[in-house]
Every structure is written in C-alpha cells, then in structure tokens.
N, C-alpha and C. Protein backbone atom coordinates (compact mmCIF):
# COMPACT_ATOMS: atom_id res chain seq x y z
N MET A 1 -10.17 -4.16 12.89
CA MET A 1 -10.18 -3.03 12.00
C MET A 1 -8.80 -2.89 11.36
N ARG A 2 -8.77 -2.61 10.10
CA ARG A 2 -7.52 -2.47 9.38
C ARG A 2 -6.95 -1.08 9.60
N SER A 3 -5.66 -0.99 9.85
CA SER A 3 -5.02 0.30 10.11
C SER A 3 -4.69 1.05 8.82
N ILE A 4 -4.60 0.34 7.71
CA ILE A 4 -4.38 0.97 6.41
C ILE A 4 -5.43 0.44 5.46
N THR A 5 -6.12 1.36 4.78
CA THR A 5 -7.20 0.99 3.88
C THR A 5 -6.74 1.17 2.44
N ILE A 6 -7.03 0.19 1.59
CA ILE A 6 -6.70 0.25 0.17
C ILE A 6 -8.00 0.18 -0.62
N SER A 7 -8.21 1.16 -1.49
CA SER A 7 -9.38 1.18 -2.36
C SER A 7 -8.90 1.16 -3.80
N HIS A 8 -9.46 0.28 -4.60
CA HIS A 8 -9.06 0.18 -6.00
C HIS A 8 -9.80 1.22 -6.83
N ARG A 9 -9.06 1.86 -7.70
CA ARG A 9 -9.61 2.83 -8.65
C ARG A 9 -9.19 2.41 -10.05
N VAL A 10 -9.76 3.04 -11.04
CA VAL A 10 -9.43 2.69 -12.42
C VAL A 10 -7.95 2.96 -12.72
N LYS A 11 -7.41 4.08 -12.24
CA LYS A 11 -6.03 4.45 -12.57
C LYS A 11 -5.08 4.30 -11.39
N GLY A 12 -5.33 3.39 -10.50
CA GLY A 12 -4.41 3.18 -9.39
C GLY A 12 -5.14 2.78 -8.12
N LEU A 13 -4.49 3.00 -6.99
CA LEU A 13 -5.03 2.65 -5.69
C LEU A 13 -5.11 3.89 -4.82
N ASP A 14 -6.16 3.99 -4.03
CA ASP A 14 -6.22 4.99 -2.97
C ASP A 14 -5.80 4.29 -1.70
N VAL A 15 -4.83 4.86 -1.00
CA VAL A 15 -4.31 4.26 0.23
C VAL A 15 -4.44 5.28 1.35
N VAL A 16 -5.05 4.88 2.47
CA VAL A 16 -5.26 5.77 3.60
C VAL A 16 -4.82 5.08 4.89
N CYS A 17 -4.00 5.78 5.69
CA CYS A 17 -3.61 5.28 7.00
C CYS A 17 -4.63 5.80 8.01
N ARG A 18 -5.32 4.92 8.69
CA ARG A 18 -6.34 5.34 9.66
C ARG A 18 -5.72 5.79 10.97
N HIS A 19 -4.46 5.48 11.18
CA HIS A 19 -3.79 5.86 12.42
C HIS A 19 -3.44 7.34 12.44
N CYS A 20 -2.85 7.87 11.33
CA CYS A 20 -2.42 9.26 11.30
C CYS A 20 -3.13 10.11 10.25
N GLY A 21 -3.91 9.49 9.37
CA GLY A 21 -4.63 10.24 8.34
C GLY A 21 -3.85 10.44 7.06
N ASN A 22 -2.66 9.89 6.96
CA ASN A 22 -1.85 9.99 5.75
C ASN A 22 -2.59 9.32 4.60
N ALA A 23 -2.65 9.97 3.43
CA ALA A 23 -3.39 9.41 2.31
C ALA A 23 -2.64 9.66 1.01
N GLU A 24 -2.89 8.77 0.06
CA GLU A 24 -2.25 8.91 -1.24
C GLU A 24 -3.14 8.32 -2.32
N SER A 25 -3.21 9.02 -3.44
CA SER A 25 -3.92 8.56 -4.63
C SER A 25 -2.95 8.65 -5.80
N PRO A 26 -2.05 7.70 -5.92
CA PRO A 26 -1.01 7.79 -6.94
C PRO A 26 -1.55 7.56 -8.35
N LYS A 27 -0.97 8.26 -9.29
CA LYS A 27 -1.29 8.05 -10.69
C LYS A 27 -0.15 7.33 -11.39
N THR A 28 0.90 7.04 -10.66
CA THR A 28 2.03 6.26 -11.16
C THR A 28 2.23 5.10 -10.19
N PRO A 29 3.01 4.12 -10.56
CA PRO A 29 3.23 2.99 -9.66
C PRO A 29 4.20 3.26 -8.51
N PHE A 30 4.53 4.52 -8.24
CA PHE A 30 5.42 4.86 -7.14
C PHE A 30 4.62 5.45 -5.99
N PHE A 31 4.91 5.00 -4.78
CA PHE A 31 4.30 5.57 -3.58
C PHE A 31 5.23 6.65 -3.04
N ASN A 32 4.68 7.78 -2.61
CA ASN A 32 5.47 8.84 -1.98
C ASN A 32 5.32 8.81 -0.47
N ARG A 33 4.16 8.40 0.03
CA ARG A 33 3.88 8.44 1.47
C ARG A 33 3.80 7.06 2.11
N PHE A 34 3.89 6.03 1.31
CA PHE A 34 3.84 4.65 1.79
C PHE A 34 4.97 3.87 1.14
N ARG A 35 5.36 2.76 1.77
CA ARG A 35 6.43 1.93 1.23
C ARG A 35 6.01 0.47 1.27
N LEU A 36 6.30 -0.23 0.20
CA LEU A 36 6.12 -1.68 0.15
C LEU A 36 7.42 -2.31 0.61
N GLU A 37 7.31 -3.22 1.58
CA GLU A 37 8.50 -3.86 2.13
C GLU A 37 8.42 -5.36 1.95
N GLY A 38 9.48 -5.94 1.42
CA GLY A 38 9.64 -7.38 1.32
C GLY A 38 8.37 -8.15 1.04
N THR A 39 8.50 -9.31 0.58
CA THR A 39 7.33 -10.11 0.27
C THR A 39 7.45 -11.50 0.84
N GLY A 40 6.34 -12.02 1.21
CA GLY A 40 6.24 -13.44 1.50
C GLY A 40 5.80 -14.08 0.20
N LYS A 41 5.37 -15.28 0.26
CA LYS A 41 4.92 -15.94 -0.97
C LYS A 41 3.64 -15.30 -1.50
N ASP A 42 2.72 -14.97 -0.61
CA ASP A 42 1.44 -14.44 -1.05
C ASP A 42 1.10 -13.09 -0.44
N SER A 43 2.06 -12.45 0.25
CA SER A 43 1.74 -11.19 0.91
C SER A 43 2.93 -10.24 0.92
N THR A 44 2.66 -8.99 1.22
CA THR A 44 3.68 -7.96 1.34
C THR A 44 3.31 -7.07 2.52
N THR A 45 4.25 -6.25 2.99
CA THR A 45 3.98 -5.32 4.07
C THR A 45 3.91 -3.92 3.51
N LEU A 46 2.87 -3.20 3.84
CA LEU A 46 2.68 -1.81 3.43
C LEU A 46 2.88 -0.95 4.66
N ARG A 47 3.85 0.00 4.61
CA ARG A 47 4.19 0.84 5.76
C ARG A 47 3.91 2.30 5.46
N CYS A 48 3.26 2.98 6.41
CA CYS A 48 3.04 4.43 6.33
C CYS A 48 4.35 5.10 6.73
N LEU A 49 4.86 6.01 5.89
CA LEU A 49 6.13 6.66 6.19
C LEU A 49 5.98 7.79 7.20
N ASN A 50 4.76 8.20 7.50
CA ASN A 50 4.53 9.27 8.46
C ASN A 50 4.57 8.74 9.91
N CYS A 51 3.80 7.72 10.20
CA CYS A 51 3.71 7.21 11.58
C CYS A 51 4.30 5.82 11.75
N GLN A 52 4.81 5.21 10.67
CA GLN A 52 5.44 3.89 10.67
C GLN A 52 4.48 2.75 10.96
N THR A 53 3.17 2.98 10.85
CA THR A 53 2.20 1.90 10.98
C THR A 53 2.38 0.96 9.80
N ALA A 54 2.39 -0.33 10.06
CA ALA A 54 2.57 -1.32 9.00
C ALA A 54 1.46 -2.35 9.05
N MET A 55 1.15 -2.88 7.88
CA MET A 55 0.11 -3.89 7.79
C MET A 55 0.49 -4.87 6.69
N GLU A 56 0.33 -6.13 6.96
CA GLU A 56 0.58 -7.14 5.96
C GLU A 56 -0.67 -7.28 5.10
N ILE A 57 -0.48 -7.25 3.79
CA ILE A 57 -1.62 -7.34 2.88
C ILE A 57 -1.38 -8.45 1.86
N PRO A 58 -2.43 -9.09 1.39
CA PRO A 58 -2.25 -10.12 0.35
C PRO A 58 -1.86 -9.47 -0.98
N MET A 59 -1.06 -10.16 -1.76
CA MET A 59 -0.64 -9.64 -3.06
C MET A 59 -1.82 -9.39 -3.98
N SER A 60 -2.92 -10.09 -3.76
CA SER A 60 -4.09 -9.90 -4.61
C SER A 60 -4.69 -8.51 -4.48
N GLU A 61 -4.37 -7.77 -3.40
CA GLU A 61 -4.88 -6.42 -3.23
C GLU A 61 -4.07 -5.39 -4.01
N LEU A 62 -2.88 -5.78 -4.47
CA LEU A 62 -2.07 -4.88 -5.27
C LEU A 62 -2.39 -5.08 -6.74
N SER A 63 -2.37 -4.02 -7.50
CA SER A 63 -2.55 -4.16 -8.93
C SER A 63 -1.24 -4.66 -9.54
N SER A 64 -1.28 -5.07 -10.78
CA SER A 64 -0.08 -5.57 -11.43
C SER A 64 1.00 -4.50 -11.55
N LEU A 65 0.62 -3.21 -11.56
CA LEU A 65 1.60 -2.13 -11.63
C LEU A 65 2.48 -2.08 -10.39
N TYR A 66 1.92 -2.38 -9.23
CA TYR A 66 2.65 -2.29 -7.97
C TYR A 66 3.37 -3.58 -7.63
N TYR A 67 2.96 -4.68 -8.23
CA TYR A 67 3.50 -5.98 -7.85
C TYR A 67 5.01 -6.05 -7.98
N HIS A 68 5.59 -5.58 -9.08
CA HIS A 68 7.03 -5.71 -9.25
C HIS A 68 7.82 -4.77 -8.35
N TYR A 69 7.19 -3.73 -7.79
CA TYR A 69 7.87 -2.88 -6.81
C TYR A 69 7.92 -3.54 -5.44
N ALA A 70 7.03 -4.49 -5.21
CA ALA A 70 7.00 -5.19 -3.92
C ALA A 70 8.01 -6.33 -3.88
N CYS A 71 8.45 -6.78 -5.03
CA CYS A 71 9.38 -7.93 -5.08
C CYS A 71 10.81 -7.52 -4.91
C-alpha cells in the first residue's frame, strides 16, 4: 500500500498522506504541505511535512509544472 497517494486533476495534483491525513490540492506548482526532494534519473522523493513520511515516486507521476521544482 502506498503511504502517499497522488491523483491527477485537470489543474494540478491532489496529494494525500495516508499516514497522517495531510492533504493538498494545489492550484499552483508550489506545495505547501509536501516537499519534493532530490531526483534520481527517473524518480523523486515526495515527503509529507507534517509526519515526515516519504515515498519515492516515478517522474512520470508528476506533471510538467512540478518537474522543474523536483530538479
């Protein structure tokens, strides 16, 4: 089971941490409750700022708006 869920929407991503319930539906490419950390060649780490739960996700799950913030 994934600890952080990402759902694609027309105007951004819905991100929910299943560990603490922290959620965000940003309308801009900035996260307030989550942080993108460093990148591998094909993946990045998404961290919940509330409980510090982290999950590695493939870059294909990020929209092009978020991609340059992960680099």
